Amino acid sequence: MTEENQRKIGLMAGIALSAGLLPGVTLGGDGLPDRLLTAALTALLFMILTTLVDTTPVFTRPKVPVVLLILGAAGWLQDTLIWLLAAWLFALAGGDLHVNGLATAALAGLVTRAVLWAALWVLPRKGAEAERERVAS
């Protein structure tokens, strides 16, 4: 699995988990198809905005703890702001994504970033990095 696919899976899981765990985050309307559509559109918005404002390093597994903390804080802030922006954009378009305030957005950003990083660390990887590890061993 490529790193891009790992990010997509982690992002979708983080958005779904945020909506499921946090009472202040509401995705979709009445039925499951509406919720899935809202989650997919939110993930698409996250992917577009994350591409425009990227806080992820070229290397995905930093070794220095200070770098890891700085990147984690920047990613958390980015995800928090994207949650707020997504809720605002959905409200303008008449969509069904609601985030109740900055504290809820911060918690949703924390959950989303944690799941995204977990997906990057846990999911199997194929591609250039895995090929380098195979050749080196």
N, C-alpha and C. Protein backbone atom coordinates (compact mmCIF):
# COMPACT_ATOMS: atom_id res chain seq x y z
N MET A 1 0.85 -1.17 0.00
CA MET A 1 0.00 0.00 0.00
C MET A 1 0.90 1.24 0.00
N THR A 2 0.56 2.19 -0.83
CA THR A 2 1.37 3.40 -0.90
C THR A 2 1.05 4.32 0.27
N GLU A 3 1.93 5.27 0.50
CA GLU A 3 1.73 6.21 1.60
C GLU A 3 0.47 7.05 1.39
N GLU A 4 0.18 7.39 0.15
CA GLU A 4 -1.03 8.17 -0.15
C GLU A 4 -2.29 7.40 0.24
N ASN A 5 -2.32 6.11 -0.05
CA ASN A 5 -3.47 5.29 0.34
C ASN A 5 -3.55 5.14 1.85
N GLN A 6 -2.41 5.04 2.52
CA GLN A 6 -2.40 5.00 3.97
C GLN A 6 -3.01 6.27 4.55
N ARG A 7 -2.66 7.41 3.96
CA ARG A 7 -3.20 8.69 4.43
C ARG A 7 -4.71 8.76 4.22
N LYS A 8 -5.18 8.30 3.08
CA LYS A 8 -6.62 8.33 2.80
C LYS A 8 -7.39 7.47 3.79
N ILE A 9 -6.89 6.28 4.04
CA ILE A 9 -7.55 5.37 4.98
C ILE A 9 -7.52 5.96 6.39
N GLY A 10 -6.37 6.49 6.80
CA GLY A 10 -6.26 7.10 8.12
C GLY A 10 -7.16 8.31 8.28
N LEU A 11 -7.26 9.11 7.24
CA LEU A 11 -8.11 10.30 7.28
C LEU A 11 -9.58 9.92 7.38
N MET A 12 -10.03 8.98 6.56
CA MET A 12 -11.43 8.55 6.63
C MET A 12 -11.74 7.94 7.99
N ALA A 13 -10.83 7.12 8.50
CA ALA A 13 -11.05 6.51 9.82
C ALA A 13 -11.06 7.56 10.92
N GLY A 14 -10.17 8.54 10.82
CA GLY A 14 -10.12 9.61 11.82
C GLY A 14 -11.37 10.47 11.83
N ILE A 15 -11.89 10.77 10.65
CA ILE A 15 -13.11 11.56 10.55
C ILE A 15 -14.29 10.77 11.11
N ALA A 16 -14.39 9.51 10.75
CA ALA A 16 -15.49 8.67 11.25
C ALA A 16 -15.40 8.48 12.75
N LEU A 17 -14.19 8.28 13.26
CA LEU A 17 -14.01 8.10 14.70
C LEU A 17 -14.31 9.38 15.46
N SER A 18 -13.91 10.52 14.91
CA SER A 18 -14.23 11.80 15.54
C SER A 18 -15.73 12.00 15.63
N ALA A 19 -16.43 11.70 14.55
CA ALA A 19 -17.89 11.86 14.53
C ALA A 19 -18.56 10.87 15.47
N GLY A 20 -17.99 9.68 15.60
CA GLY A 20 -18.59 8.67 16.46
C GLY A 20 -18.31 8.89 17.94
N LEU A 21 -17.12 9.40 18.26
CA LEU A 21 -16.74 9.56 19.67
C LEU A 21 -17.18 10.88 20.28
N LEU A 22 -17.12 11.94 19.50
CA LEU A 22 -17.37 13.27 20.05
C LEU A 22 -18.82 13.70 19.85
N PRO A 23 -19.50 14.04 20.94
CA PRO A 23 -20.91 14.42 20.79
C PRO A 23 -21.10 15.76 20.07
N GLY A 24 -20.07 16.58 19.97
CA GLY A 24 -20.19 17.87 19.32
C GLY A 24 -19.93 17.84 17.82
N VAL A 25 -19.60 16.66 17.27
CA VAL A 25 -19.37 16.53 15.83
C VAL A 25 -20.49 15.67 15.25
N THR A 26 -21.20 16.24 14.30
CA THR A 26 -22.32 15.53 13.67
C THR A 26 -22.10 15.45 12.17
N LEU A 27 -22.12 14.25 11.64
CA LEU A 27 -21.97 14.01 10.20
C LEU A 27 -23.29 13.55 9.62
N GLY A 28 -23.71 14.18 8.55
CA GLY A 28 -24.81 13.67 7.75
C GLY A 28 -26.19 13.87 8.32
N GLY A 29 -27.13 13.34 7.57
CA GLY A 29 -28.53 13.47 7.90
C GLY A 29 -29.06 12.27 8.66
N ASP A 30 -30.19 11.74 8.16
CA ASP A 30 -30.89 10.70 8.88
C ASP A 30 -30.31 9.30 8.66
N GLY A 31 -30.03 8.95 7.42
CA GLY A 31 -29.63 7.59 7.11
C GLY A 31 -28.13 7.42 6.98
N LEU A 32 -27.74 6.16 6.89
CA LEU A 32 -26.32 5.83 6.73
C LEU A 32 -25.74 6.37 5.42
N PRO A 33 -26.46 6.31 4.29
CA PRO A 33 -25.88 6.87 3.05
C PRO A 33 -25.57 8.36 3.16
N ASP A 34 -26.42 9.12 3.84
CA ASP A 34 -26.16 10.55 4.03
C ASP A 34 -24.91 10.77 4.87
N ARG A 35 -24.75 9.98 5.90
CA ARG A 35 -23.57 10.11 6.77
C ARG A 35 -22.29 9.73 6.03
N LEU A 36 -22.37 8.65 5.24
CA LEU A 36 -21.19 8.24 4.47
C LEU A 36 -20.82 9.28 3.43
N LEU A 37 -21.81 9.87 2.78
CA LEU A 37 -21.54 10.91 1.80
C LEU A 37 -20.90 12.13 2.45
N THR A 38 -21.42 12.53 3.61
CA THR A 38 -20.84 13.67 4.33
C THR A 38 -19.41 13.35 4.78
N ALA A 39 -19.18 12.14 5.25
CA ALA A 39 -17.82 11.74 5.67
C ALA A 39 -16.88 11.75 4.48
N ALA A 40 -17.34 11.25 3.33
CA ALA A 40 -16.49 11.23 2.14
C ALA A 40 -16.19 12.65 1.65
N LEU A 41 -17.18 13.52 1.66
CA LEU A 41 -16.94 14.91 1.25
C LEU A 41 -16.02 15.63 2.24
N THR A 42 -16.18 15.35 3.51
CA THR A 42 -15.29 15.94 4.52
C THR A 42 -13.86 15.45 4.31
N ALA A 43 -13.70 14.16 4.05
CA ALA A 43 -12.36 13.61 3.80
C ALA A 43 -11.75 14.23 2.54
N LEU A 44 -12.56 14.43 1.51
CA LEU A 44 -12.07 15.07 0.29
C LEU A 44 -11.61 16.49 0.57
N LEU A 45 -12.40 17.21 1.35
CA LEU A 45 -12.01 18.57 1.73
C LEU A 45 -10.72 18.56 2.55
N PHE A 46 -10.60 17.61 3.49
CA PHE A 46 -9.37 17.48 4.27
C PHE A 46 -8.18 17.21 3.36
N MET A 47 -8.35 16.30 2.39
CA MET A 47 -7.24 15.96 1.49
C MET A 47 -6.81 17.16 0.65
N ILE A 48 -7.78 17.91 0.15
CA ILE A 48 -7.45 19.09 -0.66
C ILE A 48 -6.73 20.13 0.17
N LEU A 49 -7.26 20.44 1.35
CA LEU A 49 -6.65 21.47 2.18
C LEU A 49 -5.31 21.02 2.76
N THR A 50 -5.19 19.73 3.07
CA THR A 50 -3.92 19.23 3.57
C THR A 50 -2.85 19.28 2.49
N THR A 51 -3.25 19.07 1.24
CA THR A 51 -2.31 19.18 0.13
C THR A 51 -1.86 20.63 -0.05
N LEU A 52 -2.78 21.56 0.11
CA LEU A 52 -2.43 22.98 -0.04
C LEU A 52 -1.54 23.48 1.09
N VAL A 53 -1.83 23.04 2.31
CA VAL A 53 -1.06 23.47 3.48
C VAL A 53 -0.52 22.20 4.13
N ASP A 54 0.62 21.75 3.67
CA ASP A 54 1.16 20.47 4.10
C ASP A 54 2.14 20.66 5.25
N THR A 55 1.86 20.00 6.38
CA THR A 55 2.77 20.04 7.52
C THR A 55 3.47 18.71 7.74
N THR A 56 3.33 17.80 6.79
CA THR A 56 3.94 16.49 6.92
C THR A 56 5.33 16.51 6.30
N PRO A 57 6.31 15.95 6.99
CA PRO A 57 7.67 15.95 6.44
C PRO A 57 7.80 14.97 5.29
N VAL A 58 8.90 15.09 4.57
CA VAL A 58 9.19 14.17 3.48
C VAL A 58 9.37 12.76 4.04
N PHE A 59 10.04 12.66 5.16
CA PHE A 59 10.20 11.37 5.83
C PHE A 59 9.03 11.23 6.81
N THR A 60 8.38 10.07 6.82
CA THR A 60 7.17 9.91 7.62
C THR A 60 7.44 9.37 9.02
N ARG A 61 8.65 8.95 9.27
CA ARG A 61 8.97 8.41 10.59
C ARG A 61 10.17 9.15 11.18
N PRO A 62 9.93 10.37 11.70
CA PRO A 62 11.05 11.14 12.25
C PRO A 62 11.63 10.45 13.49
N LYS A 63 12.93 10.58 13.65
CA LYS A 63 13.62 9.92 14.74
C LYS A 63 13.79 10.82 15.97
N VAL A 64 13.83 12.12 15.77
CA VAL A 64 14.08 13.05 16.86
C VAL A 64 12.75 13.39 17.55
N PRO A 65 12.61 13.18 18.85
CA PRO A 65 11.34 13.43 19.54
C PRO A 65 10.85 14.88 19.44
N VAL A 66 11.76 15.84 19.44
CA VAL A 66 11.36 17.24 19.34
C VAL A 66 10.70 17.51 17.99
N VAL A 67 11.27 16.97 16.93
CA VAL A 67 10.69 17.12 15.60
C VAL A 67 9.31 16.48 15.55
N LEU A 68 9.19 15.32 16.16
CA LEU A 68 7.91 14.62 16.21
C LEU A 68 6.86 15.46 16.94
N LEU A 69 7.23 16.07 18.04
CA LEU A 69 6.29 16.92 18.80
C LEU A 69 5.89 18.17 18.01
N ILE A 70 6.85 18.79 17.36
CA ILE A 70 6.54 20.00 16.58
C ILE A 70 5.64 19.66 15.41
N LEU A 71 5.95 18.59 14.69
CA LEU A 71 5.12 18.19 13.56
C LEU A 71 3.73 17.75 14.02
N GLY A 72 3.67 17.08 15.15
CA GLY A 72 2.38 16.68 15.69
C GLY A 72 1.53 17.88 16.07
N ALA A 73 2.14 18.88 16.70
CA ALA A 73 1.40 20.09 17.08
C ALA A 73 0.94 20.86 15.85
N ALA A 74 1.79 20.97 14.85
CA ALA A 74 1.41 21.66 13.62
C ALA A 74 0.29 20.92 12.89
N GLY A 75 0.37 19.61 12.84
CA GLY A 75 -0.69 18.82 12.22
C GLY A 75 -1.99 18.91 12.98
N TRP A 76 -1.91 18.91 14.30
CA TRP A 76 -3.11 19.03 15.13
C TRP A 76 -3.78 20.39 14.91
N LEU A 77 -2.99 21.45 14.88
CA LEU A 77 -3.54 22.77 14.62
C LEU A 77 -4.16 22.83 13.22
N GLN A 78 -3.49 22.26 12.25
CA GLN A 78 -4.01 22.22 10.88
C GLN A 78 -5.35 21.48 10.83
N ASP A 79 -5.42 20.31 11.46
CA ASP A 79 -6.67 19.55 11.44
C ASP A 79 -7.79 20.26 12.19
N THR A 80 -7.46 20.93 13.28
CA THR A 80 -8.46 21.71 14.02
C THR A 80 -9.05 22.80 13.14
N LEU A 81 -8.19 23.54 12.47
CA LEU A 81 -8.67 24.61 11.60
C LEU A 81 -9.45 24.07 10.41
N ILE A 82 -9.05 22.92 9.89
CA ILE A 82 -9.78 22.32 8.78
C ILE A 82 -11.16 21.86 9.24
N TRP A 83 -11.28 21.32 10.45
CA TRP A 83 -12.60 20.95 10.98
C TRP A 83 -13.51 22.18 11.05
N LEU A 84 -12.97 23.28 11.55
CA LEU A 84 -13.79 24.50 11.63
C LEU A 84 -14.16 25.02 10.24
N LEU A 85 -13.21 25.01 9.33
CA LEU A 85 -13.48 25.47 7.97
C LEU A 85 -14.48 24.55 7.27
N ALA A 86 -14.33 23.25 7.46
CA ALA A 86 -15.26 22.30 6.83
C ALA A 86 -16.68 22.51 7.35
N ALA A 87 -16.83 22.70 8.65
CA ALA A 87 -18.16 22.94 9.22
C ALA A 87 -18.76 24.23 8.66
N TRP A 88 -17.93 25.26 8.52
CA TRP A 88 -18.41 26.54 7.98
C TRP A 88 -18.81 26.39 6.51
N LEU A 89 -17.99 25.70 5.72
CA LEU A 89 -18.31 25.50 4.31
C LEU A 89 -19.57 24.65 4.12
N PHE A 90 -19.72 23.61 4.94
CA PHE A 90 -20.92 22.79 4.85
C PHE A 90 -22.15 23.59 5.25
N ALA A 91 -22.02 24.48 6.23
CA ALA A 91 -23.15 25.32 6.63
C ALA A 91 -23.53 26.27 5.49
N LEU A 92 -22.55 26.82 4.79
CA LEU A 92 -22.84 27.70 3.65
C LEU A 92 -23.54 26.94 2.53
N ALA A 93 -23.15 25.70 2.32
CA ALA A 93 -23.71 24.91 1.23
C ALA A 93 -24.98 24.17 1.64
N GLY A 94 -25.39 24.31 2.88
CA GLY A 94 -26.58 23.61 3.35
C GLY A 94 -26.34 22.16 3.68
N GLY A 95 -25.09 21.80 3.97
CA GLY A 95 -24.74 20.42 4.29
C GLY A 95 -25.00 20.09 5.74
N ASP A 96 -24.70 18.85 6.09
CA ASP A 96 -25.00 18.34 7.43
C ASP A 96 -23.76 17.99 8.23
N LEU A 97 -22.79 18.86 8.25
CA LEU A 97 -21.62 18.68 9.12
C LEU A 97 -21.64 19.80 10.14
N HIS A 98 -21.68 19.43 11.41
CA HIS A 98 -21.73 20.43 12.47
C HIS A 98 -20.62 20.14 13.48
N VAL A 99 -19.91 21.19 13.86
CA VAL A 99 -18.88 21.12 14.90
C VAL A 99 -19.22 22.19 15.92
N ASN A 100 -19.42 21.79 17.17
CA ASN A 100 -19.83 22.72 18.22
C ASN A 100 -18.64 23.37 18.90
N GLY A 101 -18.06 24.39 18.28
CA GLY A 101 -17.06 25.20 18.93
C GLY A 101 -15.62 24.76 18.71
N LEU A 102 -14.74 25.61 19.22
CA LEU A 102 -13.30 25.42 19.05
C LEU A 102 -12.79 24.21 19.83
N ALA A 103 -13.30 24.00 21.04
CA ALA A 103 -12.83 22.88 21.85
C ALA A 103 -13.17 21.54 21.18
N THR A 104 -14.36 21.44 20.64
CA THR A 104 -14.75 20.22 19.94
C THR A 104 -13.91 20.03 18.68
N ALA A 105 -13.65 21.12 17.96
CA ALA A 105 -12.81 21.04 16.76
C ALA A 105 -11.39 20.61 17.14
N ALA A 106 -10.89 21.12 18.27
CA ALA A 106 -9.54 20.73 18.72
C ALA A 106 -9.49 19.25 19.06
N LEU A 107 -10.52 18.74 19.73
CA LEU A 107 -10.56 17.31 20.04
C LEU A 107 -10.70 16.47 18.76
N ALA A 108 -11.53 16.93 17.83
CA ALA A 108 -11.68 16.22 16.56
C ALA A 108 -10.37 16.24 15.77
N GLY A 109 -9.66 17.36 15.81
CA GLY A 109 -8.37 17.45 15.15
C GLY A 109 -7.35 16.51 15.77
N LEU A 110 -7.39 16.40 17.09
CA LEU A 110 -6.48 15.49 17.79
C LEU A 110 -6.76 14.04 17.42
N VAL A 111 -8.04 13.67 17.41
CA VAL A 111 -8.41 12.30 17.06
C VAL A 111 -8.03 12.01 15.60
N THR A 112 -8.33 12.94 14.71
CA THR A 112 -8.04 12.75 13.30
C THR A 112 -6.54 12.60 13.06
N ARG A 113 -5.74 13.46 13.67
CA ARG A 113 -4.29 13.39 13.48
C ARG A 113 -3.72 12.12 14.09
N ALA A 114 -4.22 11.71 15.24
CA ALA A 114 -3.70 10.49 15.88
C ALA A 114 -4.01 9.26 15.04
N VAL A 115 -5.21 9.19 14.49
CA VAL A 115 -5.57 8.04 13.66
C VAL A 115 -4.79 8.06 12.36
N LEU A 116 -4.58 9.24 11.79
CA LEU A 116 -3.80 9.36 10.56
C LEU A 116 -2.37 8.88 10.79
N TRP A 117 -1.74 9.31 11.86
CA TRP A 117 -0.37 8.87 12.15
C TRP A 117 -0.33 7.37 12.46
N ALA A 118 -1.35 6.88 13.17
CA ALA A 118 -1.39 5.44 13.45
C ALA A 118 -1.49 4.64 12.16
N ALA A 119 -2.28 5.14 11.22
CA ALA A 119 -2.40 4.45 9.92
C ALA A 119 -1.06 4.45 9.19
N LEU A 120 -0.33 5.55 9.27
CA LEU A 120 0.97 5.62 8.61
C LEU A 120 1.97 4.64 9.23
N TRP A 121 1.85 4.42 10.52
CA TRP A 121 2.80 3.54 11.21
C TRP A 121 2.40 2.08 11.14
N VAL A 122 1.09 1.79 11.12
CA VAL A 122 0.63 0.42 11.27
C VAL A 122 0.35 -0.27 9.94
N LEU A 123 -0.27 0.42 9.01
CA LEU A 123 -0.66 -0.22 7.75
C LEU A 123 0.58 -0.65 6.96
N PRO A 124 0.49 -1.76 6.25
CA PRO A 124 1.64 -2.23 5.47
C PRO A 124 1.97 -1.25 4.36
N ARG A 125 3.26 -1.15 4.05
CA ARG A 125 3.71 -0.16 3.08
C ARG A 125 4.41 -0.85 1.92
N LYS A 126 4.05 -0.39 0.73
CA LYS A 126 4.77 -0.79 -0.47
C LYS A 126 5.20 0.49 -1.15
N GLY A 127 6.20 0.39 -1.95
CA GLY A 127 6.67 1.57 -2.65
C GLY A 127 8.16 1.73 -2.47
N ALA A 128 8.61 2.94 -2.63
CA ALA A 128 10.05 3.22 -2.63
C ALA A 128 10.68 2.90 -1.27
N GLU A 129 10.03 3.26 -0.19
CA GLU A 129 10.61 3.05 1.13
C GLU A 129 10.71 1.55 1.45
N ALA A 130 9.65 0.81 1.16
CA ALA A 130 9.67 -0.63 1.40
C ALA A 130 10.69 -1.32 0.50
N GLU A 131 10.83 -0.82 -0.71
CA GLU A 131 11.82 -1.38 -1.63
C GLU A 131 13.23 -1.14 -1.12
N ARG A 132 13.49 0.06 -0.59
CA ARG A 132 14.82 0.35 -0.01
C ARG A 132 15.11 -0.56 1.17
N GLU A 133 14.09 -0.81 2.03
CA GLU A 133 14.30 -1.69 3.17
C GLU A 133 14.58 -3.12 2.70
N ARG A 134 13.90 -3.56 1.65
CA ARG A 134 14.09 -4.92 1.14
C ARG A 134 15.49 -5.07 0.56
N VAL A 135 15.94 -4.08 -0.19
CA VAL A 135 17.26 -4.13 -0.81
C VAL A 135 18.35 -4.06 0.24
N ALA A 136 18.13 -3.27 1.29
CA ALA A 136 19.15 -3.10 2.33
C ALA A 136 19.34 -4.36 3.16
N SER A 137 18.30 -5.19 3.27
CA SER A 137 18.44 -6.38 4.12
C SER A 137 18.89 -7.60 3.38
